[in-house]
Amino acid sequence: MTEHRSPASRHRPPSVYRAFHDPNGPATLSTTIVHALADCIGVDPTDSRISLYDSVDPDALDALFRPRHDGTPRVGATLSFVVHDHYVTVHGNGEILIDPPSRP
């Protein structure tokens, strides 16, 4: 028998940075991602070097993961993209995983 686990429950290497977005909180998903990237990289979130625009449209990202019109969450959605050589994966359950670039 094969055990199937969701990506969120699989063991993550310690180098992967994990953050969670609260869809009922005051911040948009794209803002939460920028703050998580800034924390992962070690810079201030207002630093102009942290921008999603070269990788993904922040408004489209927010809309993609926004709850459906009937209010149900989009828990099955997943999107991955790269920002400053960091591999970012966003899950519909609010989990954000940031895998920093490999060190040679």
N, C-alpha and C. Protein backbone atom coordinates (compact mmCIF):
# COMPACT_ATOMS: atom_id res chain seq x y z
N MET A 1 0.84 -1.18 0.00
CA MET A 1 0.00 0.00 0.00
C MET A 1 0.88 1.24 0.00
N THR A 2 0.54 2.21 -0.81
CA THR A 2 1.29 3.45 -0.90
C THR A 2 0.60 4.52 -0.08
N GLU A 3 1.38 5.23 0.72
CA GLU A 3 0.82 6.30 1.53
C GLU A 3 0.85 7.59 0.73
N HIS A 4 -0.29 8.24 0.62
CA HIS A 4 -0.37 9.51 -0.08
C HIS A 4 -0.58 10.61 0.94
N ARG A 5 0.30 11.58 0.92
CA ARG A 5 0.20 12.71 1.84
C ARG A 5 0.17 13.99 1.04
N SER A 6 -0.49 14.99 1.57
CA SER A 6 -0.52 16.27 0.89
C SER A 6 0.87 16.90 0.93
N PRO A 7 1.17 17.79 -0.03
CA PRO A 7 2.48 18.44 -0.03
C PRO A 7 2.77 19.17 1.28
N ALA A 8 1.75 19.71 1.92
CA ALA A 8 1.96 20.45 3.17
C ALA A 8 2.40 19.54 4.31
N SER A 9 2.04 18.25 4.23
CA SER A 9 2.37 17.38 5.34
C SER A 9 3.67 16.61 5.14
N ARG A 10 4.25 16.69 3.98
CA ARG A 10 5.52 16.01 3.73
C ARG A 10 6.64 16.69 4.49
N HIS A 11 7.66 15.92 4.80
CA HIS A 11 8.82 16.47 5.49
C HIS A 11 9.53 17.47 4.57
N ARG A 12 9.83 18.61 5.10
CA ARG A 12 10.53 19.65 4.35
C ARG A 12 11.95 19.77 4.87
N PRO A 13 12.93 19.92 3.97
CA PRO A 13 14.29 20.15 4.44
C PRO A 13 14.34 21.45 5.25
N PRO A 14 15.27 21.56 6.20
CA PRO A 14 15.32 22.75 7.05
C PRO A 14 15.60 24.04 6.27
N SER A 15 16.14 23.94 5.06
CA SER A 15 16.45 25.14 4.30
C SER A 15 15.21 25.79 3.70
N VAL A 16 14.10 25.07 3.66
CA VAL A 16 12.88 25.62 3.10
C VAL A 16 12.20 26.50 4.15
N TYR A 17 11.94 27.75 3.77
CA TYR A 17 11.28 28.70 4.66
C TYR A 17 9.77 28.52 4.50
N ARG A 18 9.06 28.46 5.61
CA ARG A 18 7.62 28.24 5.58
C ARG A 18 6.90 29.41 6.23
N ALA A 19 5.87 29.89 5.55
CA ALA A 19 5.02 30.95 6.09
C ALA A 19 3.57 30.59 5.79
N PHE A 20 2.65 31.24 6.47
CA PHE A 20 1.23 30.99 6.24
C PHE A 20 0.51 32.31 6.03
N HIS A 21 -0.41 32.30 5.09
CA HIS A 21 -1.24 33.48 4.82
C HIS A 21 -2.62 33.25 5.41
N ASP A 22 -3.13 34.25 6.11
CA ASP A 22 -4.48 34.20 6.65
C ASP A 22 -5.40 34.95 5.70
N PRO A 23 -6.26 34.25 4.96
CA PRO A 23 -7.12 34.93 4.00
C PRO A 23 -8.13 35.87 4.66
N ASN A 24 -8.35 35.71 5.96
CA ASN A 24 -9.27 36.59 6.69
C ASN A 24 -8.54 37.74 7.36
N GLY A 25 -7.22 37.78 7.24
CA GLY A 25 -6.43 38.84 7.85
C GLY A 25 -6.41 40.09 6.98
N PRO A 26 -5.73 41.13 7.45
CA PRO A 26 -5.72 42.41 6.74
C PRO A 26 -4.79 42.44 5.50
N ALA A 27 -3.82 41.54 5.43
CA ALA A 27 -2.84 41.59 4.33
C ALA A 27 -3.31 40.75 3.14
N THR A 28 -2.94 41.20 1.95
CA THR A 28 -3.20 40.40 0.75
C THR A 28 -2.17 39.27 0.69
N LEU A 29 -2.46 38.27 -0.11
CA LEU A 29 -1.52 37.16 -0.26
C LEU A 29 -0.19 37.65 -0.80
N SER A 30 -0.22 38.54 -1.79
CA SER A 30 1.04 39.03 -2.37
C SER A 30 1.86 39.78 -1.33
N THR A 31 1.22 40.52 -0.44
CA THR A 31 1.94 41.22 0.63
C THR A 31 2.56 40.22 1.60
N THR A 32 1.83 39.17 1.93
CA THR A 32 2.36 38.14 2.82
C THR A 32 3.59 37.49 2.19
N ILE A 33 3.54 37.24 0.89
CA ILE A 33 4.68 36.62 0.19
C ILE A 33 5.88 37.55 0.21
N VAL A 34 5.67 38.84 -0.05
CA VAL A 34 6.78 39.80 -0.02
C VAL A 34 7.41 39.83 1.37
N HIS A 35 6.61 39.83 2.40
CA HIS A 35 7.14 39.84 3.77
C HIS A 35 7.90 38.55 4.07
N ALA A 36 7.39 37.42 3.60
CA ALA A 36 8.07 36.15 3.81
C ALA A 36 9.40 36.12 3.06
N LEU A 37 9.42 36.60 1.83
CA LEU A 37 10.66 36.67 1.06
C LEU A 37 11.67 37.58 1.75
N ALA A 38 11.22 38.73 2.21
CA ALA A 38 12.12 39.66 2.89
C ALA A 38 12.72 39.02 4.14
N ASP A 39 11.89 38.31 4.90
CA ASP A 39 12.37 37.64 6.09
C ASP A 39 13.37 36.54 5.73
N CYS A 40 13.06 35.80 4.69
CA CYS A 40 13.94 34.72 4.24
C CYS A 40 15.29 35.26 3.75
N ILE A 41 15.25 36.36 3.02
CA ILE A 41 16.47 36.95 2.45
C ILE A 41 17.23 37.76 3.49
N GLY A 42 16.48 38.29 4.48
CA GLY A 42 17.11 39.08 5.53
C GLY A 42 17.16 40.56 5.23
N VAL A 43 16.12 41.06 4.54
CA VAL A 43 16.05 42.49 4.25
C VAL A 43 14.71 43.04 4.74
N ASP A 44 14.59 44.34 4.77
CA ASP A 44 13.35 44.99 5.15
C ASP A 44 12.32 44.77 4.04
N PRO A 45 11.06 44.48 4.38
CA PRO A 45 10.05 44.24 3.34
C PRO A 45 9.78 45.45 2.45
N THR A 46 10.13 46.64 2.93
CA THR A 46 9.94 47.83 2.09
C THR A 46 11.12 48.06 1.15
N ASP A 47 12.14 47.22 1.26
CA ASP A 47 13.31 47.31 0.38
C ASP A 47 12.84 47.10 -1.06
N SER A 48 13.19 48.00 -1.92
CA SER A 48 12.72 47.95 -3.31
C SER A 48 13.26 46.75 -4.08
N ARG A 49 14.21 46.02 -3.51
CA ARG A 49 14.73 44.84 -4.20
C ARG A 49 13.73 43.69 -4.17
N ILE A 50 12.78 43.71 -3.24
CA ILE A 50 11.79 42.65 -3.13
C ILE A 50 10.55 43.07 -3.92
N SER A 51 10.35 42.44 -5.06
CA SER A 51 9.20 42.73 -5.91
C SER A 51 8.77 41.45 -6.60
N LEU A 52 7.47 41.26 -6.69
CA LEU A 52 6.94 40.09 -7.39
C LEU A 52 6.71 40.36 -8.87
N TYR A 53 6.71 41.63 -9.27
CA TYR A 53 6.30 42.02 -10.62
C TYR A 53 7.10 41.36 -11.74
N ASP A 54 8.36 41.04 -11.52
CA ASP A 54 9.15 40.41 -12.57
C ASP A 54 8.83 38.92 -12.71
N SER A 55 8.12 38.36 -11.74
CA SER A 55 7.83 36.93 -11.74
C SER A 55 6.35 36.60 -11.92
N VAL A 56 5.50 37.39 -11.30
CA VAL A 56 4.07 37.12 -11.31
C VAL A 56 3.32 38.43 -11.08
N ASP A 57 2.13 38.53 -11.62
CA ASP A 57 1.29 39.71 -11.40
C ASP A 57 0.66 39.59 -10.01
N PRO A 58 1.01 40.47 -9.06
CA PRO A 58 0.48 40.35 -7.70
C PRO A 58 -1.05 40.39 -7.64
N ASP A 59 -1.69 41.22 -8.46
CA ASP A 59 -3.15 41.28 -8.45
C ASP A 59 -3.76 39.97 -8.94
N ALA A 60 -3.18 39.38 -9.97
CA ALA A 60 -3.66 38.09 -10.47
C ALA A 60 -3.43 36.99 -9.43
N LEU A 61 -2.30 37.04 -8.74
CA LEU A 61 -2.00 36.08 -7.69
C LEU A 61 -3.03 36.16 -6.58
N ASP A 62 -3.33 37.38 -6.14
CA ASP A 62 -4.33 37.58 -5.09
C ASP A 62 -5.69 37.05 -5.54
N ALA A 63 -6.06 37.33 -6.79
CA ALA A 63 -7.35 36.89 -7.31
C ALA A 63 -7.42 35.37 -7.45
N LEU A 64 -6.32 34.76 -7.86
CA LEU A 64 -6.28 33.31 -8.05
C LEU A 64 -6.56 32.56 -6.76
N PHE A 65 -6.06 33.06 -5.65
CA PHE A 65 -6.21 32.37 -4.37
C PHE A 65 -7.32 32.95 -3.50
N ARG A 66 -8.01 33.95 -3.99
CA ARG A 66 -9.14 34.53 -3.25
C ARG A 66 -10.23 33.46 -3.13
N PRO A 67 -10.96 33.42 -2.01
CA PRO A 67 -12.06 32.46 -1.89
C PRO A 67 -13.06 32.61 -3.05
N ARG A 68 -13.71 31.50 -3.37
CA ARG A 68 -14.72 31.51 -4.44
C ARG A 68 -15.84 32.46 -4.07
N HIS A 69 -16.71 32.75 -5.04
CA HIS A 69 -17.81 33.69 -4.82
C HIS A 69 -18.75 33.24 -3.70
N ASP A 70 -18.83 31.93 -3.47
CA ASP A 70 -19.69 31.44 -2.38
C ASP A 70 -18.96 31.41 -1.04
N GLY A 71 -17.69 31.87 -1.02
CA GLY A 71 -16.92 31.96 0.22
C GLY A 71 -16.06 30.75 0.53
N THR A 72 -16.17 29.69 -0.25
CA THR A 72 -15.34 28.51 0.02
C THR A 72 -13.91 28.76 -0.43
N PRO A 73 -12.95 28.26 0.34
CA PRO A 73 -11.53 28.48 -0.02
C PRO A 73 -11.11 27.63 -1.22
N ARG A 74 -10.06 28.04 -1.86
CA ARG A 74 -9.50 27.31 -3.00
C ARG A 74 -8.34 26.45 -2.50
N VAL A 75 -8.65 25.48 -1.69
CA VAL A 75 -7.62 24.69 -1.03
C VAL A 75 -6.78 23.85 -1.98
N GLY A 76 -7.27 23.49 -3.13
CA GLY A 76 -6.52 22.63 -4.05
C GLY A 76 -5.55 23.36 -4.95
N ALA A 77 -5.58 24.67 -4.95
CA ALA A 77 -4.74 25.45 -5.86
C ALA A 77 -3.28 25.45 -5.41
N THR A 78 -2.37 25.43 -6.37
CA THR A 78 -0.93 25.53 -6.11
C THR A 78 -0.30 26.32 -7.25
N LEU A 79 0.61 27.20 -6.92
CA LEU A 79 1.33 27.98 -7.93
C LEU A 79 2.77 28.12 -7.48
N SER A 80 3.70 27.93 -8.41
CA SER A 80 5.12 28.10 -8.11
C SER A 80 5.73 29.10 -9.08
N PHE A 81 6.68 29.89 -8.57
CA PHE A 81 7.39 30.87 -9.38
C PHE A 81 8.71 31.18 -8.68
N VAL A 82 9.58 31.88 -9.38
CA VAL A 82 10.92 32.19 -8.86
C VAL A 82 11.05 33.70 -8.69
N VAL A 83 11.54 34.11 -7.52
CA VAL A 83 11.81 35.52 -7.23
C VAL A 83 13.22 35.59 -6.65
N HIS A 84 14.09 36.34 -7.28
CA HIS A 84 15.48 36.49 -6.82
C HIS A 84 16.13 35.13 -6.54
N ASP A 85 15.98 34.21 -7.46
CA ASP A 85 16.53 32.86 -7.36
C ASP A 85 15.94 32.03 -6.23
N HIS A 86 14.88 32.49 -5.60
CA HIS A 86 14.18 31.75 -4.55
C HIS A 86 12.93 31.12 -5.19
N TYR A 87 12.77 29.82 -5.04
CA TYR A 87 11.64 29.09 -5.59
C TYR A 87 10.48 29.20 -4.60
N VAL A 88 9.41 29.87 -5.01
CA VAL A 88 8.27 30.14 -4.14
C VAL A 88 7.10 29.24 -4.58
N THR A 89 6.52 28.53 -3.63
CA THR A 89 5.33 27.73 -3.90
C THR A 89 4.23 28.17 -2.96
N VAL A 90 3.08 28.50 -3.54
CA VAL A 90 1.92 28.96 -2.79
C VAL A 90 0.84 27.89 -2.90
N HIS A 91 0.28 27.51 -1.76
CA HIS A 91 -0.79 26.52 -1.72
C HIS A 91 -2.09 27.19 -1.31
N GLY A 92 -3.19 26.65 -1.80
CA GLY A 92 -4.50 27.21 -1.50
C GLY A 92 -4.87 27.20 -0.03
N ASN A 93 -4.21 26.37 0.76
CA ASN A 93 -4.50 26.33 2.19
C ASN A 93 -3.78 27.45 2.96
N GLY A 94 -3.06 28.32 2.23
CA GLY A 94 -2.36 29.44 2.86
C GLY A 94 -0.89 29.21 3.10
N GLU A 95 -0.42 27.98 2.86
CA GLU A 95 1.00 27.69 3.08
C GLU A 95 1.85 28.29 1.96
N ILE A 96 2.93 28.92 2.35
CA ILE A 96 3.90 29.51 1.42
C ILE A 96 5.25 28.88 1.73
N LEU A 97 5.86 28.25 0.73
CA LEU A 97 7.17 27.64 0.90
C LEU A 97 8.16 28.38 0.03
N ILE A 98 9.30 28.73 0.59
CA ILE A 98 10.35 29.46 -0.14
C ILE A 98 11.62 28.63 -0.02
N ASP A 99 12.07 28.16 -1.16
CA ASP A 99 13.30 27.36 -1.21
C ASP A 99 14.41 28.28 -1.73
N PRO A 100 15.38 28.63 -0.87
CA PRO A 100 16.44 29.53 -1.30
C PRO A 100 17.34 28.84 -2.33
N PRO A 101 18.10 29.64 -3.07
CA PRO A 101 19.01 29.06 -4.06
C PRO A 101 20.03 28.14 -3.40
N SER A 102 20.42 27.11 -4.12
CA SER A 102 21.42 26.18 -3.60
C SER A 102 22.76 26.88 -3.50
N ARG A 103 23.48 26.52 -2.48
CA ARG A 103 24.83 27.08 -2.32
C ARG A 103 25.82 26.10 -2.91
N PRO A 104 26.75 26.59 -3.72
CA PRO A 104 27.71 25.68 -4.34
C PRO A 104 28.68 25.07 -3.34
